[in-house]
């Protein structure tokens, strides 16, 4: 079931996210976060856009959200999307269900464009977003430093008026 995030989800979401912090370049965050920090982020992010979790049999398997891409007023109708799945549940189609719902909510709220900022070596996420209709619009070389090496970042964009 896909539902809106609740503050009580914070510990589980931190657990999911901390895996990616410690083991991957999916996020450029380098220090794990605690449930209080995740609760603060939930409060902040859910106040500005949709924030969803996928829960099945009482287990949260993943989460996604959209938040303002930039702070300037001219960017008000462009949001950035983020998704994290528990690593044990990847490949089950949950991500597609969640982000499709997130796109629908963003479109119905009047947003115009969505941006996904993805580390270039995260080919699974690049392919995932392309399958959902996102187009690669940028490739920044060596903009992130993690695990003692430089990492490229790509931006993908979805114009919501083009979503059928």
Protein backbone atom coordinates (compact mmCIF):
# COMPACT_ATOMS: atom_id res chain seq x y z
CA UNK A 1 0.00 0.00 0.00
CA UNK A 2 1.21 3.47 -0.83
CA UNK A 3 0.39 6.06 1.79
CA UNK A 4 1.46 9.46 3.03
CA UNK A 5 4.48 9.50 5.31
CA UNK A 6 4.01 9.89 9.05
CA UNK A 7 6.51 11.03 11.66
CA UNK A 8 6.40 7.59 13.25
CA UNK A 9 8.02 6.24 10.05
CA UNK A 10 11.25 8.13 10.78
CA UNK A 11 13.29 5.29 12.31
CA UNK A 12 12.50 2.89 9.46
CA UNK A 13 13.19 5.51 6.78
CA UNK A 14 16.50 6.36 8.42
CA UNK A 15 17.39 2.66 8.41
CA UNK A 16 16.66 2.42 4.66
CA UNK A 17 18.55 5.64 3.89
CA UNK A 18 21.56 4.83 6.07
CA UNK A 19 22.28 1.75 3.95
CA UNK A 20 22.76 4.03 0.94
CA UNK A 21 24.86 6.53 2.89
CA UNK A 22 27.29 3.87 4.15
CA UNK A 23 27.45 1.56 1.14
CA UNK A 24 26.78 3.48 -2.07
CA UNK A 25 27.31 6.66 -4.02
CA UNK A 26 23.55 7.00 -4.56
CA UNK A 27 23.63 9.84 -2.02
CA UNK A 28 26.51 12.20 -1.36
CA UNK A 29 25.66 12.28 2.31
CA UNK A 30 28.59 10.74 4.19
CA UNK A 31 27.39 10.41 7.79
CA UNK A 32 24.45 8.22 8.81
CA UNK A 33 21.46 10.03 10.30
CA UNK A 34 19.34 9.18 13.32
CA UNK A 35 15.56 8.95 13.54
CA UNK A 36 15.27 12.48 14.97
CA UNK A 37 17.05 13.95 11.96
CA UNK A 38 14.85 11.90 9.63
CA UNK A 39 11.76 13.10 11.51
CA UNK A 40 12.93 16.70 11.00
CA UNK A 41 13.38 16.04 7.29
CA UNK A 42 9.98 14.40 7.03
CA UNK A 43 8.35 17.46 8.64
CA UNK A 44 10.16 19.87 6.36
CA UNK A 45 9.78 17.98 3.10
CA UNK A 46 6.19 16.82 3.58
CA UNK A 47 5.17 20.45 4.20
CA UNK A 48 6.21 21.43 0.67
CA UNK A 49 5.30 18.43 -1.48
CA UNK A 50 4.11 14.84 -1.61
CA UNK A 51 6.01 12.35 0.54
CA UNK A 52 4.97 8.71 0.20
CA UNK A 53 5.91 5.36 1.72
CA UNK A 54 5.27 1.86 0.45
CA UNK A 55 4.13 -0.39 3.27
CA UNK A 56 3.24 -4.05 3.01
CA UNK A 57 2.39 -6.40 5.88
CA UNK A 58 3.44 -3.70 8.35
CA UNK A 59 6.89 -3.30 6.77
CA UNK A 60 7.92 -0.09 5.05
CA UNK A 61 9.78 -1.17 1.93
CA UNK A 62 10.58 2.23 0.48
CA UNK A 63 9.79 5.91 0.30
CA UNK A 64 9.77 8.75 -2.19
CA UNK A 65 9.10 12.47 -2.15
CA UNK A 66 9.17 15.63 -4.23
CA UNK A 67 10.47 18.95 -2.99
CA UNK A 68 11.16 22.35 -4.52
CA UNK A 69 14.12 22.13 -6.88
CA UNK A 70 15.41 25.66 -6.21
CA UNK A 71 14.32 28.46 -3.87
CA UNK A 72 13.82 31.29 -6.40
CA UNK A 73 10.20 32.10 -7.18
CA UNK A 74 10.67 31.45 -10.91
CA UNK A 75 11.35 27.78 -10.08
CA UNK A 76 8.17 27.36 -8.01
CA UNK A 77 6.61 24.83 -10.39
CA UNK A 78 9.68 22.60 -10.68
CA UNK A 79 10.31 19.96 -8.03
CA UNK A 80 13.04 17.38 -7.50
CA UNK A 81 12.08 13.75 -6.96
CA UNK A 82 13.84 11.28 -4.68
CA UNK A 83 13.25 7.58 -4.07
CA UNK A 84 14.85 5.03 -1.75
CA UNK A 85 13.92 1.35 -1.51
CA UNK A 86 15.04 -1.09 1.12
CA UNK A 87 17.84 -2.89 -0.70
CA UNK A 88 16.16 -6.25 0.00
CA UNK A 89 13.08 -5.26 -2.02
CA UNK A 90 14.67 -3.85 -5.18
CA UNK A 91 13.48 -5.31 -8.47
CA UNK A 92 9.91 -6.01 -7.31
CA UNK A 93 8.29 -3.09 -9.15
CA UNK A 94 7.68 -1.10 -5.97
CA UNK A 95 9.70 1.88 -7.19
CA UNK A 96 7.63 2.19 -10.35
CA UNK A 97 4.40 2.08 -8.37
CA UNK A 98 5.63 4.72 -5.91
CA UNK A 99 7.12 7.16 -8.40
CA UNK A 100 4.16 6.81 -10.76
CA UNK A 101 1.90 7.82 -7.88
CA UNK A 102 4.30 10.65 -6.95
CA UNK A 103 4.21 11.92 -10.54
CA UNK A 104 0.40 11.83 -10.52
CA UNK A 105 0.28 13.82 -7.28
CA UNK A 106 2.76 16.38 -8.60
CA UNK A 107 0.82 16.76 -11.84
CA UNK A 108 -2.52 17.14 -10.07
CA UNK A 109 -1.05 19.82 -7.81
CA UNK A 110 -0.18 21.94 -10.83
CA UNK A 111 3.56 21.39 -11.02
CA UNK A 112 5.15 21.73 -14.45
CA UNK A 113 8.47 19.84 -14.31
CA UNK A 114 10.25 17.24 -12.21
CA UNK A 115 14.01 16.82 -11.90
CA UNK A 116 15.85 13.68 -10.79
CA UNK A 117 19.48 14.26 -9.81
CA UNK A 118 21.30 10.92 -10.11
CA UNK A 119 24.91 9.86 -9.73
CA UNK A 120 26.02 8.84 -13.22
CA UNK A 121 27.27 5.43 -12.06
CA UNK A 122 23.81 4.60 -10.69
CA UNK A 123 22.75 3.11 -14.01
CA UNK A 124 19.74 1.32 -12.48
CA UNK A 125 18.25 4.64 -11.43
CA UNK A 126 19.08 6.29 -14.77
CA UNK A 127 17.30 3.49 -16.65
CA UNK A 128 14.42 3.52 -14.16
CA UNK A 129 13.78 7.23 -14.67
CA UNK A 130 14.09 6.95 -18.45
CA UNK A 131 11.43 4.21 -18.44
CA UNK A 132 9.15 6.61 -16.55
CA UNK A 133 9.60 9.24 -19.27
CA UNK A 134 12.41 11.34 -17.79
CA UNK A 135 14.99 12.65 -20.27
CA UNK A 136 18.65 13.17 -19.51
CA UNK A 137 19.32 16.92 -19.65
CA UNK A 138 22.75 17.31 -18.06
CA UNK A 139 25.92 15.48 -17.10
CA UNK A 140 28.22 17.15 -14.59
CA UNK A 141 31.74 15.75 -14.33
CA UNK A 142 33.40 15.10 -10.97
CA UNK A 143 31.08 17.20 -8.81
CA UNK A 144 30.85 14.86 -5.81
CA UNK A 145 33.61 13.36 -3.65
CA UNK A 146 32.81 10.14 -1.82
CA UNK A 147 34.77 6.98 -1.00
CA UNK A 148 38.00 8.76 -2.00
CA UNK A 149 37.01 9.42 -5.60
CA UNK A 150 35.23 11.92 -7.83
CA UNK A 151 31.73 11.08 -9.03
CA UNK A 152 29.67 12.47 -11.92
CA UNK A 153 26.04 13.54 -11.59
CA UNK A 154 23.30 13.58 -14.23
CA UNK A 155 19.99 15.41 -14.19
CA UNK A 156 16.86 13.91 -15.70
CA UNK A 157 13.73 15.95 -16.39
CA UNK A 158 10.06 15.13 -16.86
CA UNK A 159 7.71 17.80 -18.21
CA UNK A 160 4.39 16.95 -16.58
CA UNK A 161 2.21 18.38 -19.35
CA UNK A 162 3.69 15.63 -21.57
CA UNK A 163 2.68 12.84 -19.15
CA UNK A 164 -0.34 10.95 -20.44
